[in-house]
Amino acid sequence: MSPNKGLERYLLLYFPWLISLIFKYDPLLSYLIAWLGSFFIFYITLNGWVKPIPNDRNFSEQLMRPLFILQIIFAGYMSCTSIFYLFNTLGYENFHKSSFQYLSNKDVLILIAQCQRYYSLGHAAFVTGILIFMKYPATKTYFVNKGVIAGLLLRVAIISLPVAVIFTKVPGLSQFSEQFNSLSFIAGTLALAFAIPQKKSVNILICSALYLFNFYEFLISGFKEPIIVSIMVLGIFLYPNYKKIVTITFIPLLLFAFWILPAYVNTFRQNAWSGQVDVDESAQIAIDATINDDQQETNWDFLVYRLSEIDMFTKFIQSTPSRIDYYGTDLLKQSLIVIIPRIFWPHKPITEKLVMQRVYDAGVISRYSRVSAKPAFIVDAYLSGGQIGIFISLFLYGAIAQLISIRAERLFGGYILGSALIFSGLFQIFWRGLSFEFIINSVFWSYISMYIIFHLFRYYKILNKV
């Protein structure tokens, strides 16, 4: 890989934030500079201008590394989805002007612009952490024979699924279930992408069955994210061998999913979560309703209030630090408590309650509300120390993710098993940007799980010393 191109290129990542700060007295202009600035950051980092793209693999064959998949999902969701909330504040609905709300919402617009500036700063700090520690190819400590990878991926997918189920049955260890479910899905999808070009009919049938089973489970989960991720991940894994087909089919498919899923999920939850209709019937009702009904209002509400978390962020900014002081290291201390498995501490505080306490204190939602409104990672970063908290926390977020990816590639013989399987499977929580307690707990135990899998691979001589 080529050497770094100079510190000044890293500094350019912060120009959108600095310029938007200069124009903060014009909130609409400040917002637009910060929002467009994230697309600028994407451009100069993904084309290798700030730091060269690793040259150990083709561009299309390293998309599961943090600079690509993690930045696009995490930073894209964090920094780019608030535009619909802005349109709504300006009086638009479904992109049509519905009322003249600009003057009456000027204070809200100021808060939106402030949040977007924080998003721009967070995006810059996050990608700085990735780039500084992005040193591929990682020195391989172990290697795996290429001929066994396809079969190995299939075995990992099949074995991880019952392991995840077992963890759900063991009191105090259910937190491990999600990471092994994710590992099974990633392994199965990657195995399918290997099997199709190799035309292994048995593997294709088994992997397709696993993929469809997982897709069905996502469909009846009541959440949009896993459905969208399942489509996107399959597209990414197939892309190196089928670039044109993936581009033509998966991009429209993803856009279609974004459009119809809000209506589907909304109808599904109303039926399934009431307890009066089973999940299969609820799914069918939701599909019928989505096909037959005009869901524009539901979709617009999703784009405004659910796709982005800026509405919640504005409420936290209104209360901190004016009414509630910054938390400092308190949230980190709570996260250390959460790391202890409940099997060793049956009376450990419930994570959900710890997180929701700051939501109630800030008045984001009522304590008696049944709605869950956990703050995003960048919100916790802000609550911990304002702009400095955002810079430090997001820099560490990117740096730690990148270091784990490199470590995984070093242990598991390269990109396929390291970043594509282990990092993307066990550490998928990085994509979501949840509250401190959830992120730190999951990453810690996923790291332990990574080493357990590594030692199992060594024991069964799947991995051999270089």
Protein backbone atom coordinates (compact mmCIF):
# COMPACT_ATOMS: atom_id res chain seq x y z
CA MET A 1 0.00 0.00 0.00
CA SER A 2 1.20 3.52 -0.80
CA PRO A 3 2.31 5.75 2.04
CA ASN A 4 0.16 8.47 3.56
CA LYS A 5 -0.26 11.58 1.44
CA GLY A 6 0.07 14.13 4.21
CA LEU A 7 -1.61 15.45 7.34
CA GLU A 8 -3.28 18.30 5.46
CA ARG A 9 -5.53 15.81 3.68
CA TYR A 10 -6.88 14.61 7.01
CA LEU A 11 -7.55 18.22 8.00
CA LEU A 12 -9.67 18.67 4.88
CA LEU A 13 -12.13 16.17 6.35
CA TYR A 14 -13.05 18.82 8.92
CA PHE A 15 -13.59 21.66 6.45
CA PRO A 16 -17.35 21.04 6.06
CA TRP A 17 -17.78 21.25 9.83
CA LEU A 18 -15.63 24.39 10.10
CA ILE A 19 -17.37 26.17 7.21
CA SER A 20 -20.82 25.25 8.51
CA LEU A 21 -19.75 26.63 11.89
CA ILE A 22 -18.78 29.94 10.26
CA PHE A 23 -22.28 30.21 8.74
CA LYS A 24 -24.16 29.06 11.84
CA TYR A 25 -26.11 32.33 11.95
CA ASP A 26 -27.83 31.23 8.75
CA PRO A 27 -29.14 27.85 9.96
CA LEU A 28 -30.43 26.61 6.61
CA LEU A 29 -27.14 27.36 4.83
CA SER A 30 -25.17 25.94 7.77
CA TYR A 31 -27.21 22.75 7.65
CA LEU A 32 -26.76 22.31 3.89
CA ILE A 33 -22.98 22.83 4.10
CA ALA A 34 -22.69 20.25 6.88
CA TRP A 35 -25.03 17.78 5.15
CA LEU A 36 -23.33 18.05 1.77
CA GLY A 37 -20.01 17.87 3.60
CA SER A 38 -20.63 14.22 4.47
CA PHE A 39 -20.94 13.38 0.77
CA PHE A 40 -17.66 15.25 0.28
CA ILE A 41 -16.07 13.10 3.00
CA PHE A 42 -17.38 9.96 1.34
CA TYR A 43 -15.92 11.07 -1.99
CA ILE A 44 -12.39 11.95 -0.85
CA THR A 45 -12.04 8.88 1.37
CA LEU A 46 -13.59 6.21 -0.87
CA ASN A 47 -11.55 7.25 -3.91
CA GLY A 48 -8.28 7.10 -1.95
CA TRP A 49 -7.49 10.83 -2.03
CA VAL A 50 -6.95 11.19 1.73
CA LYS A 51 -5.19 7.85 2.08
CA PRO A 52 -4.67 5.27 -0.68
CA ILE A 53 -7.11 2.39 -0.87
CA PRO A 54 -5.42 -0.90 0.13
CA ASN A 55 -3.96 -2.51 -2.98
CA ASP A 56 -3.84 -6.11 -1.77
CA ARG A 57 -7.28 -6.76 -3.32
CA ASN A 58 -9.44 -5.23 -6.02
CA PHE A 59 -11.82 -2.49 -4.90
CA SER A 60 -14.88 -4.75 -5.29
CA GLU A 61 -13.22 -7.49 -3.25
CA GLN A 62 -12.69 -5.50 -0.04
CA LEU A 63 -16.07 -3.85 0.49
CA MET A 64 -16.57 -5.47 3.90
CA ARG A 65 -13.63 -3.57 5.38
CA PRO A 66 -14.52 -0.67 7.73
CA LEU A 67 -13.69 2.14 5.28
CA PHE A 68 -16.41 0.89 2.95
CA ILE A 69 -19.29 -1.05 4.52
CA LEU A 70 -19.03 0.46 7.98
CA GLN A 71 -18.61 4.03 6.82
CA ILE A 72 -21.44 3.79 4.29
CA ILE A 73 -23.94 2.26 6.73
CA PHE A 74 -22.98 3.88 10.02
CA ALA A 75 -21.90 7.33 8.82
CA GLY A 76 -24.46 7.37 6.02
CA TYR A 77 -27.31 6.66 8.44
CA MET A 78 -25.95 9.09 11.01
CA SER A 79 -25.12 12.02 8.71
CA CYS A 80 -27.27 11.86 5.58
CA THR A 81 -30.77 10.77 6.61
CA SER A 82 -31.84 14.00 8.36
CA ILE A 83 -32.72 15.75 5.08
CA PHE A 84 -36.33 14.54 5.26
CA TYR A 85 -36.70 15.99 8.76
CA LEU A 86 -35.44 19.29 7.40
CA PHE A 87 -37.99 19.21 4.55
CA ASN A 88 -40.74 18.45 7.05
CA THR A 89 -39.67 21.38 9.23
CA LEU A 90 -39.76 23.66 6.19
CA GLY A 91 -43.36 22.65 5.58
CA TYR A 92 -43.00 19.89 2.99
CA GLU A 93 -44.84 16.58 2.95
CA ASN A 94 -43.94 13.95 0.36
CA PHE A 95 -41.76 16.70 -1.17
CA HIS A 96 -44.76 18.97 -1.78
CA LYS A 97 -45.11 22.28 0.03
CA SER A 98 -48.01 21.83 2.44
CA SER A 99 -47.82 24.90 4.69
CA PHE A 100 -45.66 27.93 5.50
CA GLN A 101 -43.92 26.75 8.65
CA TYR A 102 -40.48 28.23 8.18
CA LEU A 103 -40.90 31.30 10.38
CA SER A 104 -42.74 29.48 13.16
CA ASN A 105 -40.06 26.76 13.20
CA LYS A 106 -36.97 28.97 13.10
CA ASP A 107 -35.83 27.76 16.53
CA VAL A 108 -36.22 24.16 15.44
CA LEU A 109 -34.21 24.90 12.30
CA ILE A 110 -31.38 26.28 14.43
CA LEU A 111 -31.33 23.04 16.44
CA ILE A 112 -31.39 20.93 13.28
CA ALA A 113 -28.41 22.83 11.88
CA GLN A 114 -26.54 22.39 15.16
CA CYS A 115 -27.16 18.63 15.11
CA GLN A 116 -26.03 18.39 11.49
CA ARG A 117 -22.79 20.19 12.35
CA TYR A 118 -22.22 17.58 15.06
CA TYR A 119 -22.92 14.83 12.53
CA SER A 120 -20.34 16.36 10.19
CA LEU A 121 -17.75 16.56 12.98
CA GLY A 122 -18.55 12.99 14.05
CA HIS A 123 -18.25 11.67 10.50
CA ALA A 124 -14.86 13.35 10.05
CA ALA A 125 -13.55 12.05 13.40
CA PHE A 126 -14.88 8.55 12.73
CA VAL A 127 -13.25 8.20 9.32
CA THR A 128 -10.02 9.74 10.66
CA GLY A 129 -9.85 6.90 13.18
CA ILE A 130 -10.31 4.37 10.39
CA LEU A 131 -7.76 5.88 8.02
CA ILE A 132 -4.99 6.39 10.56
CA PHE A 133 -5.03 2.70 11.52
CA MET A 134 -5.88 1.32 8.06
CA LYS A 135 -2.71 -0.66 7.31
CA TYR A 136 -3.41 -3.48 4.89
CA PRO A 137 -2.40 -6.04 4.06
CA ALA A 138 -2.17 -7.16 7.66
CA THR A 139 0.77 -9.40 8.44
CA LYS A 140 -0.70 -12.91 8.43
CA THR A 141 0.11 -15.05 11.44
CA TYR A 142 -1.98 -17.97 10.15
CA PHE A 143 -3.29 -19.13 6.80
CA VAL A 144 -6.12 -21.33 5.52
CA ASN A 145 -6.06 -23.39 2.34
CA LYS A 146 -8.23 -21.66 -0.28
CA GLY A 147 -9.78 -24.95 -1.37
CA VAL A 148 -11.55 -25.45 1.97
CA ILE A 149 -13.00 -21.94 2.37
CA ALA A 150 -16.32 -22.57 0.57
CA GLY A 151 -17.07 -25.69 2.61
CA LEU A 152 -15.84 -24.06 5.80
CA LEU A 153 -18.20 -21.12 5.37
CA LEU A 154 -21.14 -23.47 4.96
CA ARG A 155 -20.19 -25.41 8.10
CA VAL A 156 -19.84 -22.19 10.10
CA ALA A 157 -23.30 -21.10 8.92
CA ILE A 158 -24.91 -24.41 9.88
CA ILE A 159 -23.14 -24.76 13.25
CA SER A 160 -23.61 -21.14 14.35
CA LEU A 161 -27.40 -21.32 14.05
CA PRO A 162 -28.02 -23.93 16.78
CA VAL A 163 -25.30 -22.32 18.91
CA ALA A 164 -27.29 -19.09 18.79
CA VAL A 165 -30.45 -20.98 19.81
CA ILE A 166 -28.64 -22.63 22.73
CA PHE A 167 -27.50 -19.25 24.03
CA THR A 168 -31.11 -18.04 24.09
CA LYS A 169 -31.96 -20.96 26.41
CA VAL A 170 -29.11 -20.38 28.89
CA PRO A 171 -30.06 -17.78 31.54
CA GLY A 172 -27.66 -14.86 31.54
CA LEU A 173 -26.01 -15.69 28.22
CA SER A 174 -28.70 -14.62 25.76
CA GLN A 175 -26.56 -11.63 24.71
CA PHE A 176 -24.35 -14.06 22.75
CA SER A 177 -27.28 -15.26 20.67
CA GLU A 178 -27.44 -12.20 18.43
CA GLN A 179 -23.77 -12.27 17.47
CA PHE A 180 -23.91 -15.96 16.49
CA ASN A 181 -27.15 -15.43 14.59
CA SER A 182 -25.38 -12.68 12.69
CA LEU A 183 -22.33 -14.89 12.14
CA SER A 184 -24.53 -17.66 10.74
CA PHE A 185 -26.25 -15.27 8.35
CA ILE A 186 -22.98 -13.73 7.10
CA ALA A 187 -21.35 -17.16 6.71
CA GLY A 188 -24.34 -18.57 4.83
CA THR A 189 -24.60 -15.58 2.54
CA LEU A 190 -20.87 -15.61 1.83
CA ALA A 191 -21.03 -19.36 1.18
CA LEU A 192 -23.86 -18.76 -1.30
CA ALA A 193 -21.76 -16.15 -3.09
CA PHE A 194 -18.93 -18.70 -3.32
CA ALA A 195 -21.18 -21.54 -4.46
CA ILE A 196 -22.95 -19.74 -7.33
CA PRO A 197 -19.88 -19.02 -9.54
CA GLN A 198 -18.46 -22.44 -8.67
CA LYS A 199 -21.80 -24.01 -9.74
CA LYS A 200 -21.91 -26.32 -6.73
CA SER A 201 -25.60 -27.28 -6.87
CA VAL A 202 -25.76 -28.92 -3.43
CA ASN A 203 -24.10 -25.95 -1.74
CA ILE A 204 -26.33 -23.54 -3.64
CA LEU A 205 -29.48 -25.37 -2.47
CA ILE A 206 -28.35 -25.52 1.17
CA CYS A 207 -27.13 -21.90 1.24
CA SER A 208 -30.26 -20.65 -0.52
CA ALA A 209 -32.41 -22.46 2.04
CA LEU A 210 -30.40 -20.87 4.87
CA TYR A 211 -30.68 -17.44 3.26
CA LEU A 212 -34.43 -17.75 2.75
CA PHE A 213 -34.87 -19.03 6.32
CA ASN A 214 -32.97 -16.01 7.66
CA PHE A 215 -34.90 -13.66 5.38
CA TYR A 216 -38.18 -15.08 6.67
CA GLU A 217 -37.01 -14.64 10.27
CA PHE A 218 -36.14 -11.03 9.49
CA LEU A 219 -39.53 -10.56 7.84
CA ILE A 220 -41.39 -11.64 10.99
CA SER A 221 -39.06 -9.77 13.36
CA GLY A 222 -41.02 -6.53 13.06
CA PHE A 223 -37.89 -4.56 12.14
CA LYS A 224 -36.83 -3.04 8.83
CA GLU A 225 -33.06 -2.99 9.32
CA PRO A 226 -32.28 -6.75 9.10
CA ILE A 227 -34.34 -7.11 5.91
CA ILE A 228 -32.48 -4.27 4.19
CA VAL A 229 -29.10 -5.53 5.46
CA SER A 230 -29.80 -9.06 4.19
CA ILE A 231 -30.42 -7.75 0.66
CA MET A 232 -27.41 -5.44 0.75
CA VAL A 233 -24.95 -8.03 2.08
CA LEU A 234 -25.89 -10.58 -0.59
CA GLY A 235 -25.40 -7.91 -3.23
CA ILE A 236 -21.96 -6.98 -1.87
CA PHE A 237 -20.80 -10.60 -1.77
CA LEU A 238 -22.02 -11.27 -5.32
CA TYR A 239 -20.70 -7.98 -6.72
CA PRO A 240 -17.08 -9.05 -7.49
CA ASN A 241 -18.30 -11.81 -9.87
CA TYR A 242 -21.52 -10.24 -11.16
CA LYS A 243 -20.99 -6.48 -11.22
CA LYS A 244 -23.54 -5.57 -13.91
CA ILE A 245 -26.28 -7.90 -12.67
CA VAL A 246 -25.89 -6.73 -9.06
CA THR A 247 -25.90 -3.06 -10.07
CA ILE A 248 -29.00 -3.48 -12.22
CA THR A 249 -30.99 -5.59 -9.74
CA PHE A 250 -29.87 -4.92 -6.17
CA ILE A 251 -29.84 -1.11 -6.18
CA PRO A 252 -33.49 -0.88 -7.39
CA LEU A 253 -34.36 -3.72 -4.98
CA LEU A 254 -32.90 -1.79 -2.05
CA LEU A 255 -34.76 1.39 -3.04
CA PHE A 256 -37.97 -0.61 -3.37
CA ALA A 257 -37.40 -2.15 0.08
CA PHE A 258 -36.88 1.30 1.61
CA TRP A 259 -40.15 2.42 0.08
CA ILE A 260 -42.46 -0.46 1.04
CA LEU A 261 -40.99 -1.68 4.35
CA PRO A 262 -42.26 1.18 6.55
CA ALA A 263 -45.86 0.34 5.60
CA TYR A 264 -45.25 -3.41 5.93
CA VAL A 265 -43.59 -3.15 9.36
CA ASN A 266 -46.19 -0.71 10.67
CA THR A 267 -49.08 -3.08 9.75
CA PHE A 268 -47.17 -6.16 10.95
CA ARG A 269 -46.51 -4.67 14.39
CA GLN A 270 -50.13 -3.60 14.84
CA ASN A 271 -51.25 -7.19 14.37
CA ALA A 272 -48.39 -9.35 15.67
CA TRP A 273 -47.46 -7.32 18.73
CA SER A 274 -51.06 -7.10 19.92
CA GLY A 275 -50.90 -10.85 20.57
CA GLN A 276 -54.21 -11.50 18.84
CA VAL A 277 -52.77 -12.71 15.52
CA ASP A 278 -49.79 -15.08 15.01
CA VAL A 279 -46.71 -13.87 13.15
CA ASP A 280 -47.39 -15.79 9.93
CA GLU A 281 -50.88 -14.37 9.57
CA SER A 282 -49.63 -10.92 10.57
CA ALA A 283 -47.00 -11.07 7.83
CA GLN A 284 -49.59 -12.01 5.22
CA ILE A 285 -51.93 -9.23 6.38
CA ALA A 286 -49.05 -6.74 6.23
CA ILE A 287 -48.05 -7.85 2.72
CA ASP A 288 -51.64 -7.54 1.47
CA ALA A 289 -52.04 -4.12 3.05
CA THR A 290 -48.77 -2.89 1.58
CA ILE A 291 -49.72 -4.06 -1.92
CA ASN A 292 -53.29 -2.77 -1.89
CA ASP A 293 -53.15 0.46 0.12
CA ASP A 294 -51.74 3.91 -0.53
CA GLN A 295 -48.98 4.16 2.09
CA GLN A 296 -47.46 7.53 1.23
CA GLU A 297 -48.28 9.06 4.61
CA THR A 298 -46.76 6.11 6.50
CA ASN A 299 -43.63 6.22 4.34
CA TRP A 300 -43.19 9.96 4.80
CA ASP A 301 -43.51 9.59 8.58
CA PHE A 302 -40.84 6.89 8.42
CA LEU A 303 -38.49 9.07 6.40
CA VAL A 304 -38.97 12.02 8.76
CA TYR A 305 -39.05 10.43 12.21
CA ARG A 306 -37.71 6.88 11.92
CA LEU A 307 -35.02 6.90 9.23
CA SER A 308 -33.12 9.62 11.09
CA GLU A 309 -32.73 10.12 14.85
CA ILE A 310 -32.23 13.88 14.61
CA ASP A 311 -35.59 14.61 16.25
CA MET A 312 -34.37 12.93 19.43
CA PHE A 313 -30.96 14.59 19.15
CA THR A 314 -32.53 18.08 19.12
CA LYS A 315 -34.34 17.28 22.39
CA PHE A 316 -31.13 16.17 24.09
CA ILE A 317 -29.38 19.35 22.95
CA GLN A 318 -32.16 21.43 24.49
CA SER A 319 -31.61 19.84 27.90
CA THR A 320 -27.81 19.38 27.94
CA PRO A 321 -25.89 21.23 29.22
CA SER A 322 -28.47 23.96 30.02
CA ARG A 323 -30.55 21.83 32.41
CA ILE A 324 -28.58 18.60 32.76
CA ASP A 325 -24.80 18.73 32.95
CA TYR A 326 -22.57 16.63 30.71
CA TYR A 327 -22.20 13.06 31.96
CA GLY A 328 -18.41 12.95 31.65
CA THR A 329 -17.29 9.35 32.17
CA ASP A 330 -20.52 8.19 33.83
CA LEU A 331 -21.81 6.44 30.70
CA LEU A 332 -18.51 4.60 30.30
CA LYS A 333 -18.71 3.43 33.92
CA GLN A 334 -22.22 2.13 33.29
CA SER A 335 -20.94 0.32 30.21
CA LEU A 336 -18.32 -1.51 32.31
CA ILE A 337 -21.10 -2.71 34.60
CA VAL A 338 -23.07 -4.00 31.63
CA ILE A 339 -20.10 -6.09 30.41
CA ILE A 340 -20.47 -8.52 33.34
CA PRO A 341 -22.67 -11.44 32.14
CA ARG A 342 -25.91 -11.81 34.05
CA ILE A 343 -25.06 -15.47 34.71
CA PHE A 344 -22.38 -14.20 37.14
CA TRP A 345 -24.50 -11.32 38.47
CA PRO A 346 -28.20 -12.25 38.39
CA HIS A 347 -29.24 -8.90 39.89
CA LYS A 348 -27.22 -6.79 37.49
CA PRO A 349 -29.05 -3.58 36.48
CA ILE A 350 -31.09 -4.00 33.31
CA THR A 351 -29.26 -2.32 30.43
CA GLU A 352 -32.45 -0.96 28.89
CA LYS A 353 -33.34 0.82 32.15
CA LEU A 354 -29.86 2.32 32.50
CA VAL A 355 -30.02 3.74 28.99
CA MET A 356 -33.62 4.94 29.22
CA GLN A 357 -32.94 6.86 32.43
CA ARG A 358 -31.13 9.64 30.56
CA VAL A 359 -33.93 9.67 27.98
CA TYR A 360 -36.49 10.28 30.72
CA ASP A 361 -34.30 12.84 32.48
CA ALA A 362 -33.98 14.84 29.26
CA GLY A 363 -37.72 14.73 28.70
CA VAL A 364 -37.35 13.06 25.29
CA ILE A 365 -40.32 10.82 26.07
CA SER A 366 -42.52 10.33 29.11
CA ARG A 367 -41.46 7.85 31.77
CA TYR A 368 -44.89 6.25 31.41
CA SER A 369 -44.62 5.85 27.65
CA ARG A 370 -44.29 2.33 26.24
CA VAL A 371 -42.03 3.62 23.47
CA SER A 372 -38.30 2.80 23.53
CA ALA A 373 -36.12 5.75 22.46
CA LYS A 374 -32.52 4.79 23.14
CA PRO A 375 -29.97 7.46 22.13
CA ALA A 376 -27.61 6.86 19.22
CA PHE A 377 -23.85 6.58 19.77
CA ILE A 378 -23.19 10.17 18.68
CA VAL A 379 -25.85 11.42 21.10
CA ASP A 380 -24.14 9.62 23.98
CA ALA A 381 -20.85 11.11 22.77
CA TYR A 382 -22.41 14.58 22.93
CA LEU A 383 -23.96 13.92 26.35
CA SER A 384 -20.54 12.86 27.65
CA GLY A 385 -18.71 16.05 26.66
CA GLY A 386 -20.24 18.13 23.87
CA GLN A 387 -18.09 18.66 20.76
CA ILE A 388 -14.97 17.27 22.45
CA GLY A 389 -16.95 14.19 23.48
CA ILE A 390 -18.09 13.71 19.88
CA PHE A 391 -14.58 14.04 18.45
CA ILE A 392 -12.94 11.65 20.93
CA SER A 393 -15.75 9.06 20.93
CA LEU A 394 -16.20 8.92 17.16
CA PHE A 395 -12.45 8.82 16.54
CA LEU A 396 -12.16 5.85 18.91
CA TYR A 397 -15.19 4.22 17.29
CA GLY A 398 -13.51 4.23 13.89
CA ALA A 399 -10.06 3.35 15.23
CA ILE A 400 -11.25 0.37 17.29
CA ALA A 401 -13.34 -1.00 14.43
CA GLN A 402 -10.36 -0.73 12.08
CA LEU A 403 -7.94 -2.35 14.53
CA ILE A 404 -10.33 -5.25 15.10
CA SER A 405 -10.67 -5.77 11.35
CA ILE A 406 -6.89 -5.89 10.95
CA ARG A 407 -6.55 -8.23 13.90
CA ALA A 408 -9.20 -10.55 12.46
CA GLU A 409 -7.42 -10.68 9.09
CA ARG A 410 -4.12 -11.42 10.83
CA LEU A 411 -5.59 -14.27 12.85
CA PHE A 412 -7.82 -15.81 10.18
CA GLY A 413 -5.51 -15.70 7.19
CA GLY A 414 -6.76 -12.68 5.31
CA TYR A 415 -9.81 -10.78 4.12
CA ILE A 416 -12.35 -13.56 3.46
CA LEU A 417 -12.36 -15.17 6.90
CA GLY A 418 -11.04 -12.10 8.73
CA SER A 419 -13.07 -9.07 7.64
CA ALA A 420 -15.84 -10.59 5.50
CA LEU A 421 -16.76 -13.36 7.95
CA ILE A 422 -15.52 -12.69 11.48
CA PHE A 423 -15.54 -8.88 11.56
CA SER A 424 -18.82 -8.53 9.65
CA GLY A 425 -20.44 -11.42 11.47
CA LEU A 426 -19.45 -10.92 15.10
CA PHE A 427 -19.05 -7.13 15.08
CA GLN A 428 -22.09 -6.13 13.05
CA ILE A 429 -23.17 -3.97 15.99
CA PHE A 430 -20.66 -1.39 14.68
CA TRP A 431 -22.98 -0.80 11.74
CA ARG A 432 -25.82 0.31 14.02
CA GLY A 433 -24.27 2.95 16.29
CA LEU A 434 -26.27 2.13 19.42
CA SER A 435 -25.89 3.59 22.91
CA PHE A 436 -22.55 3.28 24.72
CA GLU A 437 -23.70 0.42 26.96
CA PHE A 438 -24.91 -1.76 24.09
CA ILE A 439 -21.92 -1.07 21.83
CA ILE A 440 -19.19 -1.59 24.44
CA ASN A 441 -20.78 -4.74 25.86
CA SER A 442 -21.30 -6.33 22.44
CA VAL A 443 -17.84 -5.43 21.09
CA PHE A 444 -16.11 -6.74 24.23
CA TRP A 445 -17.78 -10.13 24.13
CA SER A 446 -17.57 -10.39 20.35
CA TYR A 447 -13.82 -9.95 20.72
CA ILE A 448 -13.76 -12.84 23.21
CA SER A 449 -15.89 -14.91 20.81
CA MET A 450 -13.46 -14.15 17.99
CA TYR A 451 -10.59 -15.67 19.96
CA ILE A 452 -12.66 -18.70 20.95
CA ILE A 453 -13.42 -19.35 17.26
CA PHE A 454 -9.76 -18.78 16.42
CA HIS A 455 -8.62 -21.41 18.92
CA LEU A 456 -11.25 -23.86 17.64
CA PHE A 457 -9.98 -23.33 14.09
CA ARG A 458 -6.44 -23.93 15.32
CA TYR A 459 -7.47 -27.04 17.24
CA TYR A 460 -9.13 -28.56 14.16
CA LYS A 461 -6.18 -27.50 11.99
CA ILE A 462 -8.30 -25.25 9.80
CA LEU A 463 -5.76 -22.50 10.45
CA ASN A 464 -2.06 -23.25 10.11
CA LYS A 465 0.93 -21.23 11.25
CA VAL A 466 2.61 -19.23 8.51
